[in-house]
All heavy atoms as atom14 arrays in JSON, in Angstrom:
{
  "sequence": "LRTAHIGVGNMGAADLKAISSHNLVDVVALCDVDANNLAAAHKEHP",
  "atom14_mask": [
    [1, 1, 1, 1, 1, 1, 1, 1, 0, 0, 0, 0, 0, 0],
    [1, 1, 1, 1, 1, 1, 1, 1, 1, 1, 1, 0, 0, 0],
    [1, 1, 1, 1, 1, 1, 1, 0, 0, 0, 0, 0, 0, 0],
    [1, 1, 1, 1, 1, 0, 0, 0, 0, 0, 0, 0, 0, 0],
    [1, 1, 1, 1, 1, 1, 1, 1, 1, 1, 0, 0, 0, 0],
    [1, 1, 1, 1, 1, 1, 1, 1, 0, 0, 0, 0, 0, 0],
    [1, 1, 1, 1, 0, 0, 0, 0, 0, 0, 0, 0, 0, 0],
    [1, 1, 1, 1, 1, 1, 1, 0, 0, 0, 0, 0, 0, 0],
    [1, 1, 1, 1, 0, 0, 0, 0, 0, 0, 0, 0, 0, 0],
    [1, 1, 1, 1, 1, 1, 1, 1, 0, 0, 0, 0, 0, 0],
    [1, 1, 1, 1, 1, 1, 1, 1, 0, 0, 0, 0, 0, 0],
    [1, 1, 1, 1, 0, 0, 0, 0, 0, 0, 0, 0, 0, 0],
    [1, 1, 1, 1, 1, 0, 0, 0, 0, 0, 0, 0, 0, 0],
    [1, 1, 1, 1, 1, 0, 0, 0, 0, 0, 0, 0, 0, 0],
    [1, 1, 1, 1, 1, 1, 1, 1, 0, 0, 0, 0, 0, 0],
    [1, 1, 1, 1, 1, 1, 1, 1, 0, 0, 0, 0, 0, 0],
    [1, 1, 1, 1, 1, 1, 1, 1, 1, 0, 0, 0, 0, 0],
    [1, 1, 1, 1, 1, 0, 0, 0, 0, 0, 0, 0, 0, 0],
    [1, 1, 1, 1, 1, 1, 1, 1, 0, 0, 0, 0, 0, 0],
    [1, 1, 1, 1, 1, 1, 0, 0, 0, 0, 0, 0, 0, 0],
    [1, 1, 1, 1, 1, 1, 0, 0, 0, 0, 0, 0, 0, 0],
    [1, 1, 1, 1, 1, 1, 1, 1, 1, 1, 0, 0, 0, 0],
    [1, 1, 1, 1, 1, 1, 1, 1, 0, 0, 0, 0, 0, 0],
    [1, 1, 1, 1, 1, 1, 1, 1, 0, 0, 0, 0, 0, 0],
    [1, 1, 1, 1, 1, 1, 1, 0, 0, 0, 0, 0, 0, 0],
    [1, 1, 1, 1, 1, 1, 1, 1, 0, 0, 0, 0, 0, 0],
    [1, 1, 1, 1, 1, 1, 1, 0, 0, 0, 0, 0, 0, 0],
    [1, 1, 1, 1, 1, 1, 1, 0, 0, 0, 0, 0, 0, 0],
    [1, 1, 1, 1, 1, 0, 0, 0, 0, 0, 0, 0, 0, 0],
    [1, 1, 1, 1, 1, 1, 1, 1, 0, 0, 0, 0, 0, 0],
    [1, 1, 1, 1, 1, 1, 0, 0, 0, 0, 0, 0, 0, 0],
    [1, 1, 1, 1, 1, 1, 1, 1, 0, 0, 0, 0, 0, 0],
    [1, 1, 1, 1, 1, 1, 1, 0, 0, 0, 0, 0, 0, 0],
    [1, 1, 1, 1, 1, 1, 1, 1, 0, 0, 0, 0, 0, 0],
    [1, 1, 1, 1, 1, 0, 0, 0, 0, 0, 0, 0, 0, 0],
    [1, 1, 1, 1, 1, 1, 1, 1, 0, 0, 0, 0, 0, 0],
    [1, 1, 1, 1, 1, 1, 1, 1, 0, 0, 0, 0, 0, 0],
    [1, 1, 1, 1, 1, 1, 1, 1, 0, 0, 0, 0, 0, 0],
    [1, 1, 1, 1, 1, 0, 0, 0, 0, 0, 0, 0, 0, 0],
    [1, 1, 1, 1, 1, 0, 0, 0, 0, 0, 0, 0, 0, 0],
    [1, 1, 1, 1, 1, 0, 0, 0, 0, 0, 0, 0, 0, 0],
    [1, 1, 1, 1, 1, 1, 1, 1, 1, 1, 0, 0, 0, 0],
    [1, 1, 1, 1, 1, 1, 1, 1, 1, 0, 0, 0, 0, 0],
    [1, 1, 1, 1, 1, 1, 1, 1, 1, 0, 0, 0, 0, 0],
    [1, 1, 1, 1, 1, 1, 1, 1, 1, 1, 0, 0, 0, 0],
    [1, 1, 1, 1, 1, 1, 1, 0, 0, 0, 0, 0, 0, 0]
  ],
  "atom14_positions": [
    [[114.3, 89.43, 91.14], [115.24, 90.56, 91.05], [114.97, 91.53, 92.19], [113.87, 92.08, 92.3], [115.06, 91.27, 89.7], [116.17, 92.27, 89.34], [117.45, 91.51, 88.98], [115.74, 93.15, 88.17], [0.0, 0.0, 0.0], [0.0, 0.0, 0.0], [0.0, 0.0, 0.0], [0.0, 0.0, 0.0], [0.0, 0.0, 0.0], [0.0, 0.0, 0.0]],
    [[115.98, 91.76, 93.01], [115.88, 92.71, 94.12], [116.44, 94.05, 93.64], [117.62, 94.14, 93.29], [116.66, 92.2, 95.33], [116.16, 90.85, 95.86], [117.13, 90.26, 96.87], [118.44, 90.0, 96.26], [119.49, 89.5, 96.93], [119.38, 89.23, 98.22], [120.63, 89.3, 96.29], [0.0, 0.0, 0.0], [0.0, 0.0, 0.0], [0.0, 0.0, 0.0]],
    [[115.61, 95.07, 93.62], [116.0, 96.34, 93.04], [116.18, 97.44, 94.07], [115.46, 97.5, 95.08], [114.97, 96.82, 91.99], [113.68, 96.95, 92.62], [114.88, 95.83, 90.84], [0.0, 0.0, 0.0], [0.0, 0.0, 0.0], [0.0, 0.0, 0.0], [0.0, 0.0, 0.0], [0.0, 0.0, 0.0], [0.0, 0.0, 0.0], [0.0, 0.0, 0.0]],
    [[117.15, 98.33, 93.79], [117.35, 99.55, 94.57], [117.09, 100.72, 93.64], [117.56, 100.74, 92.49], [118.77, 99.61, 95.1], [0.0, 0.0, 0.0], [0.0, 0.0, 0.0], [0.0, 0.0, 0.0], [0.0, 0.0, 0.0], [0.0, 0.0, 0.0], [0.0, 0.0, 0.0], [0.0, 0.0, 0.0], [0.0, 0.0, 0.0], [0.0, 0.0, 0.0]],
    [[116.35, 101.72, 94.12], [115.93, 102.86, 93.3], [116.51, 104.15, 93.87], [116.21, 104.53, 95.01], [114.4, 102.93, 93.25], [113.78, 101.73, 92.62], [113.26, 101.74, 91.36], [113.63, 100.45, 93.08], [112.8, 100.54, 91.06], [113.02, 99.73, 92.08], [0.0, 0.0, 0.0], [0.0, 0.0, 0.0], [0.0, 0.0, 0.0], [0.0, 0.0, 0.0]],
    [[117.33, 104.83, 93.07], [117.97, 106.07, 93.48], [117.29, 107.22, 92.75], [117.42, 107.37, 91.53], [119.48, 106.04, 93.16], [120.13, 104.84, 93.84], [120.14, 107.34, 93.59], [121.58, 104.62, 93.45], [0.0, 0.0, 0.0], [0.0, 0.0, 0.0], [0.0, 0.0, 0.0], [0.0, 0.0, 0.0], [0.0, 0.0, 0.0], [0.0, 0.0, 0.0]],
    [[116.54, 108.02, 93.49], [115.7, 109.06, 92.91], [114.31, 108.5, 92.69], [114.09, 107.71, 91.78], [0.0, 0.0, 0.0], [0.0, 0.0, 0.0], [0.0, 0.0, 0.0], [0.0, 0.0, 0.0], [0.0, 0.0, 0.0], [0.0, 0.0, 0.0], [0.0, 0.0, 0.0], [0.0, 0.0, 0.0], [0.0, 0.0, 0.0], [0.0, 0.0, 0.0]],
    [[113.35, 108.89, 93.54], [112.0, 108.29, 93.47], [110.91, 109.35, 93.36], [109.73, 109.06, 93.58], [111.74, 107.36, 94.67], [112.67, 106.15, 94.61], [111.9, 108.09, 96.01], [0.0, 0.0, 0.0], [0.0, 0.0, 0.0], [0.0, 0.0, 0.0], [0.0, 0.0, 0.0], [0.0, 0.0, 0.0], [0.0, 0.0, 0.0], [0.0, 0.0, 0.0]],
    [[111.27, 110.58, 92.99], [110.28, 111.62, 92.76], [110.12, 111.86, 91.27], [111.0, 111.57, 90.47], [0.0, 0.0, 0.0], [0.0, 0.0, 0.0], [0.0, 0.0, 0.0], [0.0, 0.0, 0.0], [0.0, 0.0, 0.0], [0.0, 0.0, 0.0], [0.0, 0.0, 0.0], [0.0, 0.0, 0.0], [0.0, 0.0, 0.0], [0.0, 0.0, 0.0]],
    [[108.97, 112.4, 90.87], [108.72, 112.74, 89.46], [109.02, 111.55, 88.55], [108.37, 110.53, 88.65], [109.54, 113.98, 89.09], [109.17, 115.19, 89.92], [108.0, 115.47, 90.1], [110.15, 115.9, 90.43], [0.0, 0.0, 0.0], [0.0, 0.0, 0.0], [0.0, 0.0, 0.0], [0.0, 0.0, 0.0], [0.0, 0.0, 0.0], [0.0, 0.0, 0.0]],
    [[110.01, 111.66, 87.64], [110.29, 110.55, 86.73], [110.72, 109.31, 87.5], [110.44, 108.18, 87.1], [111.37, 110.95, 85.73], [111.5, 109.98, 84.56], [109.99, 109.94, 83.55], [109.99, 108.24, 83.01], [0.0, 0.0, 0.0], [0.0, 0.0, 0.0], [0.0, 0.0, 0.0], [0.0, 0.0, 0.0], [0.0, 0.0, 0.0], [0.0, 0.0, 0.0]],
    [[111.41, 109.52, 88.62], [111.81, 108.38, 89.44], [110.62, 107.61, 89.97], [110.68, 106.37, 90.1], [0.0, 0.0, 0.0], [0.0, 0.0, 0.0], [0.0, 0.0, 0.0], [0.0, 0.0, 0.0], [0.0, 0.0, 0.0], [0.0, 0.0, 0.0], [0.0, 0.0, 0.0], [0.0, 0.0, 0.0], [0.0, 0.0, 0.0], [0.0, 0.0, 0.0]],
    [[109.54, 108.31, 90.29], [108.33, 107.64, 90.76], [107.72, 106.8, 89.64], [107.24, 105.68, 89.87], [107.32, 108.67, 91.26], [0.0, 0.0, 0.0], [0.0, 0.0, 0.0], [0.0, 0.0, 0.0], [0.0, 0.0, 0.0], [0.0, 0.0, 0.0], [0.0, 0.0, 0.0], [0.0, 0.0, 0.0], [0.0, 0.0, 0.0], [0.0, 0.0, 0.0]],
    [[107.75, 107.32, 88.4], [107.25, 106.56, 87.26], [108.12, 105.34, 87.0], [107.62, 104.24, 86.7], [107.2, 107.45, 86.02], [0.0, 0.0, 0.0], [0.0, 0.0, 0.0], [0.0, 0.0, 0.0], [0.0, 0.0, 0.0], [0.0, 0.0, 0.0], [0.0, 0.0, 0.0], [0.0, 0.0, 0.0], [0.0, 0.0, 0.0], [0.0, 0.0, 0.0]],
    [[109.45, 105.51, 87.11], [110.35, 104.38, 86.92], [110.1, 103.3, 87.97], [110.07, 102.1, 87.67], [111.81, 104.85, 87.01], [112.24, 105.71, 85.83], [111.51, 105.74, 84.82], [113.3, 106.34, 85.93], [0.0, 0.0, 0.0], [0.0, 0.0, 0.0], [0.0, 0.0, 0.0], [0.0, 0.0, 0.0], [0.0, 0.0, 0.0], [0.0, 0.0, 0.0]],
    [[109.93, 103.72, 89.2], [109.66, 102.79, 90.29], [108.37, 102.01, 90.05], [108.32, 100.79, 90.22], [109.59, 103.56, 91.62], [109.15, 102.78, 92.86], [110.11, 101.63, 93.16], [109.06, 103.72, 94.07], [0.0, 0.0, 0.0], [0.0, 0.0, 0.0], [0.0, 0.0, 0.0], [0.0, 0.0, 0.0], [0.0, 0.0, 0.0], [0.0, 0.0, 0.0]],
    [[107.33, 102.71, 89.63], [106.05, 102.06, 89.38], [106.17, 101.02, 88.27], [105.65, 99.9, 88.39], [105.01, 103.11, 89.01], [103.62, 102.53, 88.74], [102.63, 103.64, 88.4], [101.25, 103.08, 88.1], [100.28, 104.16, 87.74], [0.0, 0.0, 0.0], [0.0, 0.0, 0.0], [0.0, 0.0, 0.0], [0.0, 0.0, 0.0], [0.0, 0.0, 0.0]],
    [[106.86, 101.38, 87.19], [106.96, 100.48, 86.04], [107.84, 99.27, 86.34], [107.49, 98.14, 86.0], [107.49, 101.24, 84.84], [0.0, 0.0, 0.0], [0.0, 0.0, 0.0], [0.0, 0.0, 0.0], [0.0, 0.0, 0.0], [0.0, 0.0, 0.0], [0.0, 0.0, 0.0], [0.0, 0.0, 0.0], [0.0, 0.0, 0.0], [0.0, 0.0, 0.0]],
    [[108.99, 99.49, 86.96], [109.87, 98.37, 87.3], [109.19, 97.42, 88.28], [109.21, 96.19, 88.12], [111.2, 98.88, 87.9], [112.04, 99.58, 86.83], [111.99, 97.75, 88.55], [112.75, 98.67, 85.85], [0.0, 0.0, 0.0], [0.0, 0.0, 0.0], [0.0, 0.0, 0.0], [0.0, 0.0, 0.0], [0.0, 0.0, 0.0], [0.0, 0.0, 0.0]],
    [[108.56, 97.98, 89.3], [107.94, 97.14, 90.34], [106.69, 96.43, 89.86], [106.21, 95.5, 90.52], [107.62, 97.98, 91.58], [106.65, 98.96, 91.3], [0.0, 0.0, 0.0], [0.0, 0.0, 0.0], [0.0, 0.0, 0.0], [0.0, 0.0, 0.0], [0.0, 0.0, 0.0], [0.0, 0.0, 0.0], [0.0, 0.0, 0.0], [0.0, 0.0, 0.0]],
    [[106.16, 96.83, 88.7], [104.98, 96.14, 88.16], [105.33, 94.77, 87.6], [104.44, 93.96, 87.33], [104.31, 96.99, 87.08], [105.12, 97.09, 85.92], [0.0, 0.0, 0.0], [0.0, 0.0, 0.0], [0.0, 0.0, 0.0], [0.0, 0.0, 0.0], [0.0, 0.0, 0.0], [0.0, 0.0, 0.0], [0.0, 0.0, 0.0], [0.0, 0.0, 0.0]],
    [[106.6, 94.51, 87.4], [107.04, 93.18, 86.95], [106.85, 92.19, 88.1], [107.25, 92.45, 89.23], [108.51, 93.23, 86.53], [108.95, 92.05, 85.72], [109.05, 90.78, 86.26], [109.34, 91.94, 84.43], [109.48, 89.94, 85.33], [109.65, 90.62, 84.2], [0.0, 0.0, 0.0], [0.0, 0.0, 0.0], [0.0, 0.0, 0.0], [0.0, 0.0, 0.0]],
    [[106.25, 91.06, 87.81], [105.89, 90.14, 88.9], [107.07, 89.39, 89.51], [106.89, 88.65, 90.48], [104.83, 89.13, 88.43], [105.32, 88.25, 87.29], [106.47, 88.35, 86.85], [104.45, 87.37, 86.8], [0.0, 0.0, 0.0], [0.0, 0.0, 0.0], [0.0, 0.0, 0.0], [0.0, 0.0, 0.0], [0.0, 0.0, 0.0], [0.0, 0.0, 0.0]],
    [[108.27, 89.62, 88.99], [109.45, 88.96, 89.56], [110.41, 89.97, 90.21], [111.57, 89.66, 90.46], [110.2, 88.16, 88.49], [109.45, 86.96, 87.91], [110.25, 86.29, 86.81], [109.13, 85.95, 89.02], [0.0, 0.0, 0.0], [0.0, 0.0, 0.0], [0.0, 0.0, 0.0], [0.0, 0.0, 0.0], [0.0, 0.0, 0.0], [0.0, 0.0, 0.0]],
    [[109.89, 91.17, 90.5], [110.71, 92.22, 91.12], [110.33, 92.4, 92.58], [109.14, 92.44, 92.92], [110.55, 93.55, 90.36], [111.06, 94.73, 91.19], [111.3, 93.51, 89.04], [0.0, 0.0, 0.0], [0.0, 0.0, 0.0], [0.0, 0.0, 0.0], [0.0, 0.0, 0.0], [0.0, 0.0, 0.0], [0.0, 0.0, 0.0], [0.0, 0.0, 0.0]],
    [[111.33, 92.51, 93.41], [111.15, 92.88, 94.82], [111.92, 94.17, 95.05], [113.15, 94.2, 94.9], [111.69, 91.8, 95.76], [110.96, 90.48, 95.63], [109.72, 90.52, 95.49], [111.62, 89.42, 95.67], [0.0, 0.0, 0.0], [0.0, 0.0, 0.0], [0.0, 0.0, 0.0], [0.0, 0.0, 0.0], [0.0, 0.0, 0.0], [0.0, 0.0, 0.0]],
    [[111.22, 95.25, 95.38], [111.87, 96.52, 95.68], [112.38, 96.45, 97.12], [111.6, 96.35, 98.06], [110.88, 97.69, 95.51], [111.54, 99.0, 95.92], [110.37, 97.76, 94.08], [0.0, 0.0, 0.0], [0.0, 0.0, 0.0], [0.0, 0.0, 0.0], [0.0, 0.0, 0.0], [0.0, 0.0, 0.0], [0.0, 0.0, 0.0], [0.0, 0.0, 0.0]],
    [[113.69, 96.52, 97.27], [114.27, 96.34, 98.61], [114.92, 97.61, 99.15], [115.22, 97.67, 100.35], [115.29, 95.18, 98.62], [114.62, 93.87, 98.27], [116.46, 95.46, 97.68], [0.0, 0.0, 0.0], [0.0, 0.0, 0.0], [0.0, 0.0, 0.0], [0.0, 0.0, 0.0], [0.0, 0.0, 0.0], [0.0, 0.0, 0.0], [0.0, 0.0, 0.0]],
    [[115.16, 98.62, 98.3], [115.8, 99.85, 98.78], [115.32, 101.04, 97.98], [115.16, 100.96, 96.76], [117.32, 99.73, 98.7], [0.0, 0.0, 0.0], [0.0, 0.0, 0.0], [0.0, 0.0, 0.0], [0.0, 0.0, 0.0], [0.0, 0.0, 0.0], [0.0, 0.0, 0.0], [0.0, 0.0, 0.0], [0.0, 0.0, 0.0], [0.0, 0.0, 0.0]],
    [[115.09, 102.15, 98.68], [114.66, 103.41, 98.08], [115.57, 104.52, 98.57], [115.92, 104.56, 99.76], [113.21, 103.73, 98.48], [112.15, 102.68, 98.16], [110.85, 103.01, 98.9], [111.9, 102.62, 96.66], [0.0, 0.0, 0.0], [0.0, 0.0, 0.0], [0.0, 0.0, 0.0], [0.0, 0.0, 0.0], [0.0, 0.0, 0.0], [0.0, 0.0, 0.0]],
    [[115.95, 105.43, 97.67], [116.85, 106.51, 98.04], [116.41, 107.8, 97.39], [116.15, 107.83, 96.18], [118.27, 106.15, 97.61], [119.52, 107.41, 98.04], [0.0, 0.0, 0.0], [0.0, 0.0, 0.0], [0.0, 0.0, 0.0], [0.0, 0.0, 0.0], [0.0, 0.0, 0.0], [0.0, 0.0, 0.0], [0.0, 0.0, 0.0], [0.0, 0.0, 0.0]],
    [[116.34, 108.88, 98.17], [116.04, 110.2, 97.62], [116.49, 111.25, 98.6], [116.39, 111.06, 99.83], [114.54, 110.36, 97.34], [114.26, 111.43, 96.3], [114.47, 112.62, 96.61], [113.85, 111.09, 95.18], [0.0, 0.0, 0.0], [0.0, 0.0, 0.0], [0.0, 0.0, 0.0], [0.0, 0.0, 0.0], [0.0, 0.0, 0.0], [0.0, 0.0, 0.0]],
    [[116.98, 112.38, 98.08], [117.44, 113.47, 98.94], [116.27, 114.31, 99.45], [116.44, 115.15, 100.33], [118.42, 114.38, 98.18], [119.65, 113.58, 97.74], [117.77, 115.05, 96.98], [0.0, 0.0, 0.0], [0.0, 0.0, 0.0], [0.0, 0.0, 0.0], [0.0, 0.0, 0.0], [0.0, 0.0, 0.0], [0.0, 0.0, 0.0], [0.0, 0.0, 0.0]],
    [[115.08, 114.08, 98.89], [113.86, 114.78, 99.29], [113.01, 113.84, 100.13], [112.52, 112.82, 99.63], [113.1, 115.23, 98.04], [111.9, 116.13, 98.36], [111.16, 115.8, 99.3], [111.71, 117.13, 97.65], [0.0, 0.0, 0.0], [0.0, 0.0, 0.0], [0.0, 0.0, 0.0], [0.0, 0.0, 0.0], [0.0, 0.0, 0.0], [0.0, 0.0, 0.0]],
    [[112.85, 114.17, 101.41], [112.14, 113.28, 102.34], [110.69, 113.09, 101.93], [110.1, 112.03, 102.2], [112.23, 113.82, 103.76], [0.0, 0.0, 0.0], [0.0, 0.0, 0.0], [0.0, 0.0, 0.0], [0.0, 0.0, 0.0], [0.0, 0.0, 0.0], [0.0, 0.0, 0.0], [0.0, 0.0, 0.0], [0.0, 0.0, 0.0], [0.0, 0.0, 0.0]],
    [[110.09, 114.08, 101.28], [108.7, 113.95, 100.84], [108.58, 112.89, 99.74], [107.67, 112.07, 99.74], [108.17, 115.29, 100.34], [107.99, 116.3, 101.45], [107.98, 115.94, 102.63], [107.87, 117.56, 101.1], [0.0, 0.0, 0.0], [0.0, 0.0, 0.0], [0.0, 0.0, 0.0], [0.0, 0.0, 0.0], [0.0, 0.0, 0.0], [0.0, 0.0, 0.0]],
    [[109.5, 112.94, 98.77], [109.51, 111.92, 97.72], [109.72, 110.53, 98.32], [109.08, 109.55, 97.91], [110.64, 112.19, 96.71], [110.41, 113.44, 95.89], [109.29, 113.93, 95.78], [111.47, 113.95, 95.3], [0.0, 0.0, 0.0], [0.0, 0.0, 0.0], [0.0, 0.0, 0.0], [0.0, 0.0, 0.0], [0.0, 0.0, 0.0], [0.0, 0.0, 0.0]],
    [[110.64, 110.45, 99.26], [110.97, 109.17, 99.86], [109.79, 108.6, 100.63], [109.49, 107.4, 100.55], [112.18, 109.34, 100.79], [112.94, 108.09, 101.2], [113.45, 107.32, 99.99], [114.1, 108.46, 102.12], [0.0, 0.0, 0.0], [0.0, 0.0, 0.0], [0.0, 0.0, 0.0], [0.0, 0.0, 0.0], [0.0, 0.0, 0.0], [0.0, 0.0, 0.0]],
    [[109.08, 109.46, 101.35], [107.92, 109.01, 102.13], [106.82, 108.49, 101.22], [106.18, 107.47, 101.51], [107.4, 110.15, 103.0], [0.0, 0.0, 0.0], [0.0, 0.0, 0.0], [0.0, 0.0, 0.0], [0.0, 0.0, 0.0], [0.0, 0.0, 0.0], [0.0, 0.0, 0.0], [0.0, 0.0, 0.0], [0.0, 0.0, 0.0], [0.0, 0.0, 0.0]],
    [[106.59, 109.19, 100.1], [105.56, 108.74, 99.15], [105.91, 107.39, 98.55], [105.05, 106.51, 98.42], [105.38, 109.79, 98.06], [0.0, 0.0, 0.0], [0.0, 0.0, 0.0], [0.0, 0.0, 0.0], [0.0, 0.0, 0.0], [0.0, 0.0, 0.0], [0.0, 0.0, 0.0], [0.0, 0.0, 0.0], [0.0, 0.0, 0.0], [0.0, 0.0, 0.0]],
    [[107.17, 107.19, 98.21], [107.58, 105.91, 97.63], [107.53, 104.8, 98.67], [107.13, 103.66, 98.37], [109.0, 106.03, 97.07], [0.0, 0.0, 0.0], [0.0, 0.0, 0.0], [0.0, 0.0, 0.0], [0.0, 0.0, 0.0], [0.0, 0.0, 0.0], [0.0, 0.0, 0.0], [0.0, 0.0, 0.0], [0.0, 0.0, 0.0], [0.0, 0.0, 0.0]],
    [[107.92, 105.13, 99.89], [107.92, 104.1, 100.95], [106.5, 103.67, 101.31], [106.27, 102.52, 101.7], [108.63, 104.65, 102.19], [108.95, 103.61, 103.2], [108.55, 103.68, 104.51], [109.64, 102.44, 103.08], [108.98, 102.62, 105.16], [109.64, 101.85, 104.31], [0.0, 0.0, 0.0], [0.0, 0.0, 0.0], [0.0, 0.0, 0.0], [0.0, 0.0, 0.0]],
    [[105.55, 104.57, 101.14], [104.16, 104.22, 101.39], [103.7, 103.12, 100.44], [102.91, 102.24, 100.81], [103.28, 105.46, 101.23], [101.81, 105.22, 101.57], [101.02, 106.52, 101.47], [99.56, 106.29, 101.81], [98.76, 107.55, 101.7], [0.0, 0.0, 0.0], [0.0, 0.0, 0.0], [0.0, 0.0, 0.0], [0.0, 0.0, 0.0], [0.0, 0.0, 0.0]],
    [[104.21, 103.15, 99.2], [103.87, 102.14, 98.21], [104.7, 100.87, 98.38], [104.27, 99.78, 97.97], [104.09, 102.69, 96.8], [103.21, 103.88, 96.44], [101.74, 103.52, 96.44], [101.4, 102.41, 95.96], [100.93, 104.35, 96.91], [0.0, 0.0, 0.0], [0.0, 0.0, 0.0], [0.0, 0.0, 0.0], [0.0, 0.0, 0.0], [0.0, 0.0, 0.0]],
    [[105.88, 101.0, 98.99], [106.77, 99.84, 99.17], [107.3, 99.84, 100.6], [108.49, 100.07, 100.85], [107.93, 99.92, 98.17], [107.48, 99.91, 96.74], [107.19, 98.75, 96.05], [107.25, 100.94, 95.88], [106.81, 99.06, 94.83], [106.82, 100.37, 94.7], [0.0, 0.0, 0.0], [0.0, 0.0, 0.0], [0.0, 0.0, 0.0], [0.0, 0.0, 0.0]],
    [[106.42, 99.57, 101.56], [106.8, 99.68, 102.98], [107.86, 98.68, 103.42], [108.51, 98.88, 104.45], [105.47, 99.44, 103.7], [104.63, 98.68, 102.74], [105.01, 99.2, 101.39], [0.0, 0.0, 0.0], [0.0, 0.0, 0.0], [0.0, 0.0, 0.0], [0.0, 0.0, 0.0], [0.0, 0.0, 0.0], [0.0, 0.0, 0.0], [0.0, 0.0, 0.0]]
  ]
}
């Protein structure tokens, strides 16, 4: 499953962590209006 995540700060970061912990998930896109949130998420999913 290739997933796109819209909103990756705060609760979005928790959602991203939990979804991506599934061994059949590939995180392929990240979206956030806050560049700091986006950078932190991209660090985990470069």
